[in-house]
Amino acid sequence: ASQGIPILLHAAAKGQKEGQACVKLVFDVKDVIAFTTVA
């Protein structure tokens, strides 16, 4: 919606395992407690 990096969702192949990469997407928020409460 404002700043950040676009995320492209691509259909995984039949034999491809999801969530297998060693990557963490980190989203910057001012108030973690407030954000997680709303989430």
All heavy atoms as atom14 arrays in JSON, in Angstrom:
{
  "sequence": "ASQGIPILLHAAAKGQKEGQACVKLVFDVKDVIAFTTVA",
  "atom14_mask": [
    [1, 1, 1, 1, 1, 0, 0, 0, 0, 0, 0, 0, 0, 0],
    [1, 1, 1, 1, 1, 1, 0, 0, 0, 0, 0, 0, 0, 0],
    [1, 1, 1, 1, 1, 1, 1, 1, 1, 0, 0, 0, 0, 0],
    [1, 1, 1, 1, 0, 0, 0, 0, 0, 0, 0, 0, 0, 0],
    [1, 1, 1, 1, 1, 1, 1, 1, 0, 0, 0, 0, 0, 0],
    [1, 1, 1, 1, 1, 1, 1, 0, 0, 0, 0, 0, 0, 0],
    [1, 1, 1, 1, 1, 1, 1, 1, 0, 0, 0, 0, 0, 0],
    [1, 1, 1, 1, 1, 1, 1, 1, 0, 0, 0, 0, 0, 0],
    [1, 1, 1, 1, 1, 1, 1, 1, 0, 0, 0, 0, 0, 0],
    [1, 1, 1, 1, 1, 1, 1, 1, 1, 1, 0, 0, 0, 0],
    [1, 1, 1, 1, 1, 0, 0, 0, 0, 0, 0, 0, 0, 0],
    [1, 1, 1, 1, 1, 0, 0, 0, 0, 0, 0, 0, 0, 0],
    [1, 1, 1, 1, 1, 0, 0, 0, 0, 0, 0, 0, 0, 0],
    [1, 1, 1, 1, 1, 1, 1, 1, 1, 0, 0, 0, 0, 0],
    [1, 1, 1, 1, 0, 0, 0, 0, 0, 0, 0, 0, 0, 0],
    [1, 1, 1, 1, 1, 1, 1, 1, 1, 0, 0, 0, 0, 0],
    [1, 1, 1, 1, 1, 1, 1, 1, 1, 0, 0, 0, 0, 0],
    [1, 1, 1, 1, 1, 1, 1, 1, 1, 0, 0, 0, 0, 0],
    [1, 1, 1, 1, 0, 0, 0, 0, 0, 0, 0, 0, 0, 0],
    [1, 1, 1, 1, 1, 1, 1, 1, 1, 0, 0, 0, 0, 0],
    [1, 1, 1, 1, 1, 0, 0, 0, 0, 0, 0, 0, 0, 0],
    [1, 1, 1, 1, 1, 1, 0, 0, 0, 0, 0, 0, 0, 0],
    [1, 1, 1, 1, 1, 1, 1, 0, 0, 0, 0, 0, 0, 0],
    [1, 1, 1, 1, 1, 1, 1, 1, 1, 0, 0, 0, 0, 0],
    [1, 1, 1, 1, 1, 1, 1, 1, 0, 0, 0, 0, 0, 0],
    [1, 1, 1, 1, 1, 1, 1, 0, 0, 0, 0, 0, 0, 0],
    [1, 1, 1, 1, 1, 1, 1, 1, 1, 1, 1, 0, 0, 0],
    [1, 1, 1, 1, 1, 1, 1, 1, 0, 0, 0, 0, 0, 0],
    [1, 1, 1, 1, 1, 1, 1, 0, 0, 0, 0, 0, 0, 0],
    [1, 1, 1, 1, 1, 1, 1, 1, 1, 0, 0, 0, 0, 0],
    [1, 1, 1, 1, 1, 1, 1, 1, 0, 0, 0, 0, 0, 0],
    [1, 1, 1, 1, 1, 1, 1, 0, 0, 0, 0, 0, 0, 0],
    [1, 1, 1, 1, 1, 1, 1, 1, 0, 0, 0, 0, 0, 0],
    [1, 1, 1, 1, 1, 0, 0, 0, 0, 0, 0, 0, 0, 0],
    [1, 1, 1, 1, 1, 1, 1, 1, 1, 1, 1, 0, 0, 0],
    [1, 1, 1, 1, 1, 1, 1, 0, 0, 0, 0, 0, 0, 0],
    [1, 1, 1, 1, 1, 1, 1, 0, 0, 0, 0, 0, 0, 0],
    [1, 1, 1, 1, 1, 1, 1, 0, 0, 0, 0, 0, 0, 0],
    [1, 1, 1, 1, 1, 0, 0, 0, 0, 0, 0, 0, 0, 0]
  ],
  "atom14_positions": [
    [[0.82, -1.21, 0.0], [0.0, 0.0, 0.0], [0.86, 1.26, 0.0], [0.49, 2.26, -0.6], [-0.93, 0.0, 1.21], [0.0, 0.0, 0.0], [0.0, 0.0, 0.0], [0.0, 0.0, 0.0], [0.0, 0.0, 0.0], [0.0, 0.0, 0.0], [0.0, 0.0, 0.0], [0.0, 0.0, 0.0], [0.0, 0.0, 0.0], [0.0, 0.0, 0.0]],
    [[2.0, 1.22, 0.66], [2.88, 2.4, 0.67], [4.29, 1.93, 0.37], [4.6, 1.6, -0.76], [2.78, 3.12, 2.02], [3.12, 2.25, 3.08], [0.0, 0.0, 0.0], [0.0, 0.0, 0.0], [0.0, 0.0, 0.0], [0.0, 0.0, 0.0], [0.0, 0.0, 0.0], [0.0, 0.0, 0.0], [0.0, 0.0, 0.0], [0.0, 0.0, 0.0]],
    [[5.15, 1.88, 1.37], [6.51, 1.43, 1.14], [6.59, -0.08, 1.28], [5.73, -0.7, 1.88], [7.46, 2.11, 2.11], [7.18, 1.78, 3.57], [8.05, 2.59, 4.49], [8.71, 3.53, 4.09], [8.07, 2.24, 5.75], [0.0, 0.0, 0.0], [0.0, 0.0, 0.0], [0.0, 0.0, 0.0], [0.0, 0.0, 0.0], [0.0, 0.0, 0.0]],
    [[7.6, -0.66, 0.73], [7.79, -2.1, 0.84], [8.11, -2.72, -0.5], [8.24, -2.03, -1.51], [0.0, 0.0, 0.0], [0.0, 0.0, 0.0], [0.0, 0.0, 0.0], [0.0, 0.0, 0.0], [0.0, 0.0, 0.0], [0.0, 0.0, 0.0], [0.0, 0.0, 0.0], [0.0, 0.0, 0.0], [0.0, 0.0, 0.0], [0.0, 0.0, 0.0]],
    [[8.25, -4.01, -0.5], [8.63, -4.75, -1.69], [7.45, -5.58, -2.16], [6.81, -6.25, -1.36], [9.83, -5.67, -1.37], [11.04, -4.81, -0.97], [10.17, -6.58, -2.54], [12.22, -5.6, -0.48], [0.0, 0.0, 0.0], [0.0, 0.0, 0.0], [0.0, 0.0, 0.0], [0.0, 0.0, 0.0], [0.0, 0.0, 0.0], [0.0, 0.0, 0.0]],
    [[7.16, -5.56, -3.46], [6.07, -6.41, -3.98], [6.38, -7.89, -3.76], [7.54, -8.31, -3.8], [6.04, -6.09, -5.47], [6.73, -4.78, -5.61], [7.74, -4.73, -4.51], [0.0, 0.0, 0.0], [0.0, 0.0, 0.0], [0.0, 0.0, 0.0], [0.0, 0.0, 0.0], [0.0, 0.0, 0.0], [0.0, 0.0, 0.0], [0.0, 0.0, 0.0]],
    [[5.33, -8.65, -3.51], [5.43, -10.1, -3.37], [4.7, -10.71, -4.55], [3.55, -10.38, -4.82], [4.78, -10.57, -2.06], [5.49, -9.97, -0.85], [4.77, -12.1, -1.98], [4.78, -10.21, 0.47], [0.0, 0.0, 0.0], [0.0, 0.0, 0.0], [0.0, 0.0, 0.0], [0.0, 0.0, 0.0], [0.0, 0.0, 0.0], [0.0, 0.0, 0.0]],
    [[5.38, -11.61, -5.27], [4.76, -12.31, -6.38], [4.45, -13.72, -5.93], [5.33, -14.43, -5.43], [5.67, -12.35, -7.6], [6.15, -10.99, -8.13], [7.02, -11.19, -9.37], [4.98, -10.09, -8.45], [0.0, 0.0, 0.0], [0.0, 0.0, 0.0], [0.0, 0.0, 0.0], [0.0, 0.0, 0.0], [0.0, 0.0, 0.0], [0.0, 0.0, 0.0]],
    [[3.2, -14.13, -6.08], [2.79, -15.49, -5.74], [2.76, -16.3, -7.01], [2.05, -15.97, -7.96], [1.42, -15.48, -5.06], [1.3, -14.65, -3.79], [-0.13, -14.68, -3.27], [2.27, -15.15, -2.73], [0.0, 0.0, 0.0], [0.0, 0.0, 0.0], [0.0, 0.0, 0.0], [0.0, 0.0, 0.0], [0.0, 0.0, 0.0], [0.0, 0.0, 0.0]],
    [[3.52, -17.38, -7.03], [3.64, -18.24, -8.2], [3.18, -19.63, -7.8], [3.56, -20.14, -6.74], [5.1, -18.27, -8.65], [5.32, -18.86, -9.99], [5.11, -20.18, -10.27], [5.74, -18.31, -11.14], [5.39, -20.43, -11.53], [5.78, -19.29, -12.09], [0.0, 0.0, 0.0], [0.0, 0.0, 0.0], [0.0, 0.0, 0.0], [0.0, 0.0, 0.0]],
    [[2.39, -20.26, -8.64], [1.91, -21.61, -8.34], [3.09, -22.57, -8.21], [3.96, -22.62, -9.09], [0.96, -22.09, -9.42], [0.0, 0.0, 0.0], [0.0, 0.0, 0.0], [0.0, 0.0, 0.0], [0.0, 0.0, 0.0], [0.0, 0.0, 0.0], [0.0, 0.0, 0.0], [0.0, 0.0, 0.0], [0.0, 0.0, 0.0], [0.0, 0.0, 0.0]],
    [[3.13, -23.31, -7.12], [4.2, -24.28, -6.9], [3.97, -25.51, -7.78], [2.83, -25.92, -8.01], [4.22, -24.7, -5.43], [0.0, 0.0, 0.0], [0.0, 0.0, 0.0], [0.0, 0.0, 0.0], [0.0, 0.0, 0.0], [0.0, 0.0, 0.0], [0.0, 0.0, 0.0], [0.0, 0.0, 0.0], [0.0, 0.0, 0.0], [0.0, 0.0, 0.0]],
    [[5.06, -26.07, -8.27], [4.97, -27.29, -9.06], [4.52, -28.44, -8.18], [4.65, -28.39, -6.95], [6.33, -27.6, -9.69], [0.0, 0.0, 0.0], [0.0, 0.0, 0.0], [0.0, 0.0, 0.0], [0.0, 0.0, 0.0], [0.0, 0.0, 0.0], [0.0, 0.0, 0.0], [0.0, 0.0, 0.0], [0.0, 0.0, 0.0], [0.0, 0.0, 0.0]],
    [[4.04, -29.48, -8.8], [3.5, -30.64, -8.07], [4.48, -31.18, -7.03], [4.11, -31.44, -5.9], [3.15, -31.74, -9.07], [2.02, -32.62, -8.64], [1.73, -33.67, -9.7], [0.39, -33.38, -10.32], [-0.05, -34.45, -11.21], [0.0, 0.0, 0.0], [0.0, 0.0, 0.0], [0.0, 0.0, 0.0], [0.0, 0.0, 0.0], [0.0, 0.0, 0.0]],
    [[5.73, -31.34, -7.39], [6.72, -31.91, -6.49], [7.43, -30.89, -5.62], [8.29, -31.25, -4.81], [0.0, 0.0, 0.0], [0.0, 0.0, 0.0], [0.0, 0.0, 0.0], [0.0, 0.0, 0.0], [0.0, 0.0, 0.0], [0.0, 0.0, 0.0], [0.0, 0.0, 0.0], [0.0, 0.0, 0.0], [0.0, 0.0, 0.0], [0.0, 0.0, 0.0]],
    [[7.1, -29.62, -5.76], [7.78, -28.57, -5.0], [7.2, -28.45, -3.61], [5.99, -28.35, -3.43], [7.65, -27.24, -5.75], [8.52, -26.16, -5.25], [8.46, -24.94, -6.17], [7.58, -24.81, -6.99], [9.41, -24.05, -6.0], [0.0, 0.0, 0.0], [0.0, 0.0, 0.0], [0.0, 0.0, 0.0], [0.0, 0.0, 0.0], [0.0, 0.0, 0.0]],
    [[8.06, -28.45, -2.61], [7.64, -28.34, -1.22], [7.52, -26.86, -0.85], [8.43, -26.08, -1.12], [8.65, -29.05, -0.33], [8.27, -29.09, 1.12], [9.32, -29.85, 1.92], [8.99, -29.78, 3.39], [10.06, -30.36, 4.2], [0.0, 0.0, 0.0], [0.0, 0.0, 0.0], [0.0, 0.0, 0.0], [0.0, 0.0, 0.0], [0.0, 0.0, 0.0]],
    [[6.43, -26.5, -0.21], [6.24, -25.11, 0.2], [7.04, -24.8, 1.46], [7.3, -25.66, 2.28], [4.76, -24.83, 0.49], [3.89, -24.88, -0.74], [2.45, -24.6, -0.4], [1.84, -25.39, 0.33], [1.93, -23.58, -0.87], [0.0, 0.0, 0.0], [0.0, 0.0, 0.0], [0.0, 0.0, 0.0], [0.0, 0.0, 0.0], [0.0, 0.0, 0.0]],
    [[7.42, -23.53, 1.6], [8.09, -23.07, 2.81], [9.45, -23.71, 3.05], [9.91, -23.77, 4.17], [0.0, 0.0, 0.0], [0.0, 0.0, 0.0], [0.0, 0.0, 0.0], [0.0, 0.0, 0.0], [0.0, 0.0, 0.0], [0.0, 0.0, 0.0], [0.0, 0.0, 0.0], [0.0, 0.0, 0.0], [0.0, 0.0, 0.0], [0.0, 0.0, 0.0]],
    [[10.11, -24.17, 1.99], [11.37, -24.89, 2.17], [12.6, -24.0, 2.17], [13.67, -24.41, 2.58], [11.52, -25.97, 1.1], [11.66, -25.43, -0.3], [11.65, -26.54, -1.34], [11.5, -27.71, -1.01], [11.81, -26.19, -2.58], [0.0, 0.0, 0.0], [0.0, 0.0, 0.0], [0.0, 0.0, 0.0], [0.0, 0.0, 0.0], [0.0, 0.0, 0.0]],
    [[12.49, -22.79, 1.71], [13.64, -21.89, 1.66], [13.94, -21.33, 3.05], [13.05, -21.16, 3.87], [13.38, -20.75, 0.68], [0.0, 0.0, 0.0], [0.0, 0.0, 0.0], [0.0, 0.0, 0.0], [0.0, 0.0, 0.0], [0.0, 0.0, 0.0], [0.0, 0.0, 0.0], [0.0, 0.0, 0.0], [0.0, 0.0, 0.0], [0.0, 0.0, 0.0]],
    [[15.19, -21.02, 3.29], [15.59, -20.43, 4.57], [15.48, -18.91, 4.45], [16.49, -18.2, 4.37], [17.01, -20.84, 4.92], [17.16, -22.59, 5.24], [0.0, 0.0, 0.0], [0.0, 0.0, 0.0], [0.0, 0.0, 0.0], [0.0, 0.0, 0.0], [0.0, 0.0, 0.0], [0.0, 0.0, 0.0], [0.0, 0.0, 0.0], [0.0, 0.0, 0.0]],
    [[14.26, -18.44, 4.42], [13.98, -17.02, 4.26], [12.94, -16.62, 5.29], [12.04, -17.4, 5.61], [13.43, -16.73, 2.84], [12.96, -15.3, 2.72], [14.46, -17.05, 1.79], [0.0, 0.0, 0.0], [0.0, 0.0, 0.0], [0.0, 0.0, 0.0], [0.0, 0.0, 0.0], [0.0, 0.0, 0.0], [0.0, 0.0, 0.0], [0.0, 0.0, 0.0]],
    [[13.08, -15.42, 5.82], [12.06, -14.87, 6.7], [11.68, -13.5, 6.16], [12.56, -12.68, 5.89], [12.56, -14.75, 8.13], [11.51, -14.17, 9.08], [12.05, -13.95, 10.48], [12.03, -15.24, 11.23], [12.37, -15.07, 12.66], [0.0, 0.0, 0.0], [0.0, 0.0, 0.0], [0.0, 0.0, 0.0], [0.0, 0.0, 0.0], [0.0, 0.0, 0.0]],
    [[10.4, -13.27, 5.99], [9.91, -11.96, 5.57], [9.66, -11.15, 6.83], [8.88, -11.55, 7.69], [8.62, -12.1, 4.77], [8.68, -13.02, 3.55], [7.32, -13.11, 2.9], [9.71, -12.53, 2.57], [0.0, 0.0, 0.0], [0.0, 0.0, 0.0], [0.0, 0.0, 0.0], [0.0, 0.0, 0.0], [0.0, 0.0, 0.0], [0.0, 0.0, 0.0]],
    [[10.35, -10.0, 6.95], [10.22, -9.17, 8.14], [9.51, -7.88, 7.76], [9.95, -7.15, 6.88], [11.61, -8.85, 8.75], [11.45, -7.97, 9.98], [12.35, -10.13, 9.09], [0.0, 0.0, 0.0], [0.0, 0.0, 0.0], [0.0, 0.0, 0.0], [0.0, 0.0, 0.0], [0.0, 0.0, 0.0], [0.0, 0.0, 0.0], [0.0, 0.0, 0.0]],
    [[8.4, -7.63, 8.44], [7.6, -6.43, 8.21], [7.84, -5.46, 9.35], [7.74, -5.83, 10.52], [6.12, -6.79, 8.11], [5.81, -7.61, 6.89], [5.95, -8.98, 6.9], [5.39, -6.99, 5.71], [5.67, -9.74, 5.77], [5.12, -7.74, 4.58], [5.26, -9.11, 4.6], [0.0, 0.0, 0.0], [0.0, 0.0, 0.0], [0.0, 0.0, 0.0]],
    [[8.18, -4.21, 9.0], [8.46, -3.18, 9.99], [7.16, -2.58, 10.51], [6.32, -2.14, 9.73], [9.31, -2.07, 9.37], [10.66, -2.57, 8.89], [11.22, -3.46, 9.56], [11.14, -2.08, 7.86], [0.0, 0.0, 0.0], [0.0, 0.0, 0.0], [0.0, 0.0, 0.0], [0.0, 0.0, 0.0], [0.0, 0.0, 0.0], [0.0, 0.0, 0.0]],
    [[6.99, -2.59, 11.82], [5.82, -1.99, 12.47], [6.31, -1.16, 13.66], [7.35, -1.46, 14.24], [4.8, -3.05, 12.94], [4.25, -3.84, 11.76], [5.38, -3.99, 13.97], [0.0, 0.0, 0.0], [0.0, 0.0, 0.0], [0.0, 0.0, 0.0], [0.0, 0.0, 0.0], [0.0, 0.0, 0.0], [0.0, 0.0, 0.0], [0.0, 0.0, 0.0]],
    [[5.58, -0.13, 13.99], [5.97, 0.71, 15.13], [5.66, 0.03, 16.46], [6.42, 0.14, 17.41], [5.26, 2.06, 15.07], [5.79, 2.96, 13.99], [5.11, 4.31, 14.02], [5.67, 5.17, 12.9], [5.04, 6.47, 12.84], [0.0, 0.0, 0.0], [0.0, 0.0, 0.0], [0.0, 0.0, 0.0], [0.0, 0.0, 0.0], [0.0, 0.0, 0.0]],
    [[4.51, -0.64, 16.54], [4.04, -1.22, 17.79], [3.71, -2.69, 17.58], [2.65, -3.02, 17.06], [2.83, -0.44, 18.29], [2.36, -0.85, 19.66], [2.6, -2.01, 20.08], [1.72, -0.01, 20.34], [0.0, 0.0, 0.0], [0.0, 0.0, 0.0], [0.0, 0.0, 0.0], [0.0, 0.0, 0.0], [0.0, 0.0, 0.0], [0.0, 0.0, 0.0]],
    [[4.61, -3.57, 17.97], [4.45, -5.01, 17.76], [3.24, -5.55, 18.54], [2.47, -6.35, 18.02], [5.74, -5.78, 18.12], [5.53, -7.27, 18.07], [6.87, -5.36, 17.19], [0.0, 0.0, 0.0], [0.0, 0.0, 0.0], [0.0, 0.0, 0.0], [0.0, 0.0, 0.0], [0.0, 0.0, 0.0], [0.0, 0.0, 0.0], [0.0, 0.0, 0.0]],
    [[3.07, -5.1, 19.77], [1.96, -5.58, 20.58], [0.62, -5.21, 19.94], [-0.27, -6.05, 19.8], [2.05, -5.04, 22.03], [3.27, -5.63, 22.73], [0.78, -5.36, 22.81], [3.6, -5.01, 24.08], [0.0, 0.0, 0.0], [0.0, 0.0, 0.0], [0.0, 0.0, 0.0], [0.0, 0.0, 0.0], [0.0, 0.0, 0.0], [0.0, 0.0, 0.0]],
    [[0.48, -3.96, 19.53], [-0.77, -3.52, 18.9], [-1.01, -4.29, 17.6], [-2.13, -4.74, 17.33], [-0.74, -2.02, 18.63], [0.0, 0.0, 0.0], [0.0, 0.0, 0.0], [0.0, 0.0, 0.0], [0.0, 0.0, 0.0], [0.0, 0.0, 0.0], [0.0, 0.0, 0.0], [0.0, 0.0, 0.0], [0.0, 0.0, 0.0], [0.0, 0.0, 0.0]],
    [[0.04, -4.46, 16.79], [-0.11, -5.15, 15.52], [-0.54, -6.6, 15.73], [-1.48, -7.08, 15.09], [1.18, -5.11, 14.71], [1.02, -5.73, 13.35], [0.69, -4.94, 12.26], [1.17, -7.1, 13.16], [0.52, -5.51, 11.01], [1.0, -7.68, 11.92], [0.66, -6.87, 10.84], [0.0, 0.0, 0.0], [0.0, 0.0, 0.0], [0.0, 0.0, 0.0]],
    [[0.13, -7.3, 16.65], [-0.2, -8.71, 16.85], [-1.59, -8.89, 17.48], [-2.25, -9.89, 17.23], [0.87, -9.42, 17.7], [1.03, -8.75, 18.95], [2.2, -9.48, 16.96], [0.0, 0.0, 0.0], [0.0, 0.0, 0.0], [0.0, 0.0, 0.0], [0.0, 0.0, 0.0], [0.0, 0.0, 0.0], [0.0, 0.0, 0.0], [0.0, 0.0, 0.0]],
    [[-2.03, -7.92, 18.25], [-3.39, -7.97, 18.81], [-4.43, -7.88, 17.7], [-5.37, -8.68, 17.64], [-3.6, -6.83, 19.83], [-2.64, -7.0, 20.89], [-5.01, -6.84, 20.4], [0.0, 0.0, 0.0], [0.0, 0.0, 0.0], [0.0, 0.0, 0.0], [0.0, 0.0, 0.0], [0.0, 0.0, 0.0], [0.0, 0.0, 0.0], [0.0, 0.0, 0.0]],
    [[-4.24, -6.94, 16.78], [-5.15, -6.79, 15.63], [-5.07, -8.03, 14.73], [-6.08, -8.53, 14.25], [-4.85, -5.5, 14.84], [-5.66, -5.44, 13.56], [-5.14, -4.27, 15.71], [0.0, 0.0, 0.0], [0.0, 0.0, 0.0], [0.0, 0.0, 0.0], [0.0, 0.0, 0.0], [0.0, 0.0, 0.0], [0.0, 0.0, 0.0], [0.0, 0.0, 0.0]],
    [[-3.86, -8.53, 14.52], [-3.69, -9.73, 13.68], [-4.45, -10.91, 14.27], [-5.12, -11.65, 13.53], [-2.21, -10.06, 13.54], [0.0, 0.0, 0.0], [0.0, 0.0, 0.0], [0.0, 0.0, 0.0], [0.0, 0.0, 0.0], [0.0, 0.0, 0.0], [0.0, 0.0, 0.0], [0.0, 0.0, 0.0], [0.0, 0.0, 0.0], [0.0, 0.0, 0.0]]
  ]
}
